């Protein structure tokens, strides 16, 4: 898999129900880096640790500050590309929020 398709600390995330973005935090090294940043795996999904608010959640009535509720790891297509036994995160990965949003990686230009 091309390094350009892999996710690392600081990549931009967007939720379909939020009006903003946040950056992925990969505070613990899994043993590999991309351009000097910790490479992410499917286990980097925890609110408050790996991701924060996406601004205002449109699912709430009236709209309220986003507080992501994520219960399961990222869903990925390629489970064969692993790092320390955990599948690596790529641009095609998605994460589901209990509030109805789908979180995905935004390609930074």
C-alpha atoms as a PDB file:
ATOM      1  CA  UNK A   1       0.000   0.000   0.000  1.00  0.00           C
ATOM      2  CA  UNK A   2       1.273   3.443  -0.889  1.00  0.00           C
ATOM      3  CA  UNK A   3       2.312   5.625   2.097  1.00  0.00           C
ATOM      4  CA  UNK A   4       0.219   8.454   0.607  1.00  0.00           C
ATOM      5  CA  UNK A   5      -2.930   6.417   1.323  1.00  0.00           C
ATOM      6  CA  UNK A   6      -2.005   5.648   4.932  1.00  0.00           C
ATOM      7  CA  UNK A   7      -3.109   7.763   7.895  1.00  0.00           C
ATOM      8  CA  UNK A   8      -0.826   9.261  10.512  1.00  0.00           C
ATOM      9  CA  UNK A   9      -0.979  11.593  13.497  1.00  0.00           C
ATOM     10  CA  UNK A  10      -2.480  14.938  12.538  1.00  0.00           C
ATOM     11  CA  UNK A  11      -4.505  13.813   9.517  1.00  0.00           C
ATOM     12  CA  UNK A  12      -7.780  15.685   9.085  1.00  0.00           C
ATOM     13  CA  UNK A  13     -11.086  14.007   9.991  1.00  0.00           C
ATOM     14  CA  UNK A  14     -14.642  15.000   9.053  1.00  0.00           C
ATOM     15  CA  UNK A  15     -17.979  13.718  10.354  1.00  0.00           C
ATOM     16  CA  UNK A  16     -21.079  13.776   8.152  1.00  0.00           C
ATOM     17  CA  UNK A  17     -23.132  15.175  11.064  1.00  0.00           C
ATOM     18  CA  UNK A  18     -20.611  17.792  12.234  1.00  0.00           C
ATOM     19  CA  UNK A  19     -19.994  21.235  10.819  1.00  0.00           C
ATOM     20  CA  UNK A  20     -16.236  21.146  11.491  1.00  0.00           C
ATOM     21  CA  UNK A  21     -13.168  18.962  11.336  1.00  0.00           C
ATOM     22  CA  UNK A  22     -10.663  17.633  13.849  1.00  0.00           C
ATOM     23  CA  UNK A  23      -7.207  16.144  13.630  1.00  0.00           C
ATOM     24  CA  UNK A  24      -6.453  12.527  14.440  1.00  0.00           C
ATOM     25  CA  UNK A  25      -4.186  12.145  17.457  1.00  0.00           C
ATOM     26  CA  UNK A  26      -1.859   9.162  17.562  1.00  0.00           C
ATOM     27  CA  UNK A  27      -0.038   9.852  20.843  1.00  0.00           C
ATOM     28  CA  UNK A  28       1.489   6.372  21.129  1.00  0.00           C
ATOM     29  CA  UNK A  29       3.844   5.028  18.501  1.00  0.00           C
ATOM     30  CA  UNK A  30       2.855   1.700  16.977  1.00  0.00           C
ATOM     31  CA  UNK A  31       6.410   1.291  15.716  1.00  0.00           C
ATOM     32  CA  UNK A  32       6.191   3.058  12.352  1.00  0.00           C
ATOM     33  CA  UNK A  33       6.130   6.623  11.093  1.00  0.00           C
ATOM     34  CA  UNK A  34       4.949   8.400   7.947  1.00  0.00           C
ATOM     35  CA  UNK A  35       6.810  11.629   7.219  1.00  0.00           C
ATOM     36  CA  UNK A  36       7.977  11.731  10.847  1.00  0.00           C
ATOM     37  CA  UNK A  37       4.479  11.231  12.327  1.00  0.00           C
ATOM     38  CA  UNK A  38       3.147   8.183  14.166  1.00  0.00           C
ATOM     39  CA  UNK A  39       1.323   5.846  11.788  1.00  0.00           C
ATOM     40  CA  UNK A  40      -2.299   5.130  12.768  1.00  0.00           C
ATOM     41  CA  UNK A  41      -4.071   1.784  13.153  1.00  0.00           C
ATOM     42  CA  UNK A  42      -7.738   0.835  13.483  1.00  0.00           C
ATOM     43  CA  UNK A  43      -7.376   1.065  17.266  1.00  0.00           C
ATOM     44  CA  UNK A  44      -6.856   4.847  17.113  1.00  0.00           C
ATOM     45  CA  UNK A  45     -10.584   5.576  17.428  1.00  0.00           C
ATOM     46  CA  UNK A  46     -11.201   6.701  20.991  1.00  0.00           C
ATOM     47  CA  UNK A  47     -12.971  10.043  21.591  1.00  0.00           C
ATOM     48  CA  UNK A  48     -10.989  12.304  23.899  1.00  0.00           C
ATOM     49  CA  UNK A  49      -7.790  10.433  23.116  1.00  0.00           C
ATOM     50  CA  UNK A  50      -7.632  10.061  19.323  1.00  0.00           C
ATOM     51  CA  UNK A  51     -10.406  12.388  18.154  1.00  0.00           C
ATOM     52  CA  UNK A  52     -12.258  15.402  19.465  1.00  0.00           C
ATOM     53  CA  UNK A  53     -15.308  17.489  18.596  1.00  0.00           C
ATOM     54  CA  UNK A  54     -16.478  18.068  15.025  1.00  0.00           C
ATOM     55  CA  UNK A  55     -18.042  21.418  15.920  1.00  0.00           C
ATOM     56  CA  UNK A  56     -21.844  21.364  16.079  1.00  0.00           C
ATOM     57  CA  UNK A  57     -23.752  18.097  15.607  1.00  0.00           C
ATOM     58  CA  UNK A  58     -26.605  18.495  13.122  1.00  0.00           C
ATOM     59  CA  UNK A  59     -28.281  15.334  14.424  1.00  0.00           C
ATOM     60  CA  UNK A  60     -29.187  16.999  17.725  1.00  0.00           C
ATOM     61  CA  UNK A  61     -32.318  19.160  18.006  1.00  0.00           C
ATOM     62  CA  UNK A  62     -31.570  21.897  18.712  1.00  0.00           C
ATOM     63  CA  UNK A  63     -28.000  21.614  17.331  1.00  0.00           C
ATOM     64  CA  UNK A  64     -25.471  21.064  20.125  1.00  0.00           C
ATOM     65  CA  UNK A  65     -21.710  20.785  20.471  1.00  0.00           C
ATOM     66  CA  UNK A  66     -20.460  17.530  18.987  1.00  0.00           C
ATOM     67  CA  UNK A  67     -19.373  14.901  21.483  1.00  0.00           C
ATOM     68  CA  UNK A  68     -18.416  11.848  19.399  1.00  0.00           C
ATOM     69  CA  UNK A  69     -19.716   8.519  20.697  1.00  0.00           C
ATOM     70  CA  UNK A  70     -17.686   5.775  19.045  1.00  0.00           C
ATOM     71  CA  UNK A  71     -17.918   2.208  20.298  1.00  0.00           C
ATOM     72  CA  UNK A  72     -16.035   0.151  17.696  1.00  0.00           C
ATOM     73  CA  UNK A  73     -12.728   0.589  15.823  1.00  0.00           C
ATOM     74  CA  UNK A  74     -12.338   1.969  12.304  1.00  0.00           C
ATOM     75  CA  UNK A  75     -13.778  -0.115   9.449  1.00  0.00           C
ATOM     76  CA  UNK A  76     -11.215  -0.816   6.758  1.00  0.00           C
ATOM     77  CA  UNK A  77     -10.982  -2.584   3.407  1.00  0.00           C
ATOM     78  CA  UNK A  78      -7.472  -4.065   3.655  1.00  0.00           C
ATOM     79  CA  UNK A  79      -7.023  -6.134   6.812  1.00  0.00           C
ATOM     80  CA  UNK A  80      -3.816  -7.698   5.497  1.00  0.00           C
ATOM     81  CA  UNK A  81      -1.689  -4.554   5.908  1.00  0.00           C
ATOM     82  CA  UNK A  82      -0.880  -4.658   9.624  1.00  0.00           C
ATOM     83  CA  UNK A  83       1.383  -3.020  12.155  1.00  0.00           C
ATOM     84  CA  UNK A  84       2.067  -4.972  15.352  1.00  0.00           C
ATOM     85  CA  UNK A  85      -0.958  -7.179  14.654  1.00  0.00           C
ATOM     86  CA  UNK A  86      -3.375  -4.274  14.089  1.00  0.00           C
ATOM     87  CA  UNK A  87      -4.649  -3.284  10.617  1.00  0.00           C
ATOM     88  CA  UNK A  88      -3.306   0.110   9.538  1.00  0.00           C
ATOM     89  CA  UNK A  89      -5.558   3.079   8.887  1.00  0.00           C
ATOM     90  CA  UNK A  90      -5.927   4.350   5.315  1.00  0.00           C
ATOM     91  CA  UNK A  91      -7.848   7.101   3.529  1.00  0.00           C
ATOM     92  CA  UNK A  92     -10.675   4.679   2.718  1.00  0.00           C
ATOM     93  CA  UNK A  93     -11.317   3.841   6.391  1.00  0.00           C
ATOM     94  CA  UNK A  94     -14.541   4.970   8.083  1.00  0.00           C
ATOM     95  CA  UNK A  95     -15.695   5.245  11.682  1.00  0.00           C
ATOM     96  CA  UNK A  96     -19.318   5.222  12.898  1.00  0.00           C
ATOM     97  CA  UNK A  97     -20.639   7.559  15.574  1.00  0.00           C
ATOM     98  CA  UNK A  98     -23.636   6.442  17.624  1.00  0.00           C
ATOM     99  CA  UNK A  99     -25.191   9.862  16.900  1.00  0.00           C
ATOM    100  CA  UNK A 100     -25.551   8.835  13.241  1.00  0.00           C
ATOM    101  CA  UNK A 101     -22.445  10.364  11.725  1.00  0.00           C
ATOM    102  CA  UNK A 102     -19.840   8.680   9.568  1.00  0.00           C
ATOM    103  CA  UNK A 103     -16.300   9.871  10.220  1.00  0.00           C
ATOM    104  CA  UNK A 104     -13.784   9.726   7.394  1.00  0.00           C
ATOM    105  CA  UNK A 105     -10.312  10.951   6.588  1.00  0.00           C
ATOM    106  CA  UNK A 106     -10.187  14.111   4.509  1.00  0.00           C
ATOM    107  CA  UNK A 107      -7.449  14.248   1.912  1.00  0.00           C
ATOM    108  CA  UNK A 108      -5.402  17.350   2.644  1.00  0.00           C
ATOM    109  CA  UNK A 109      -4.239  19.239  -0.431  1.00  0.00           C
END
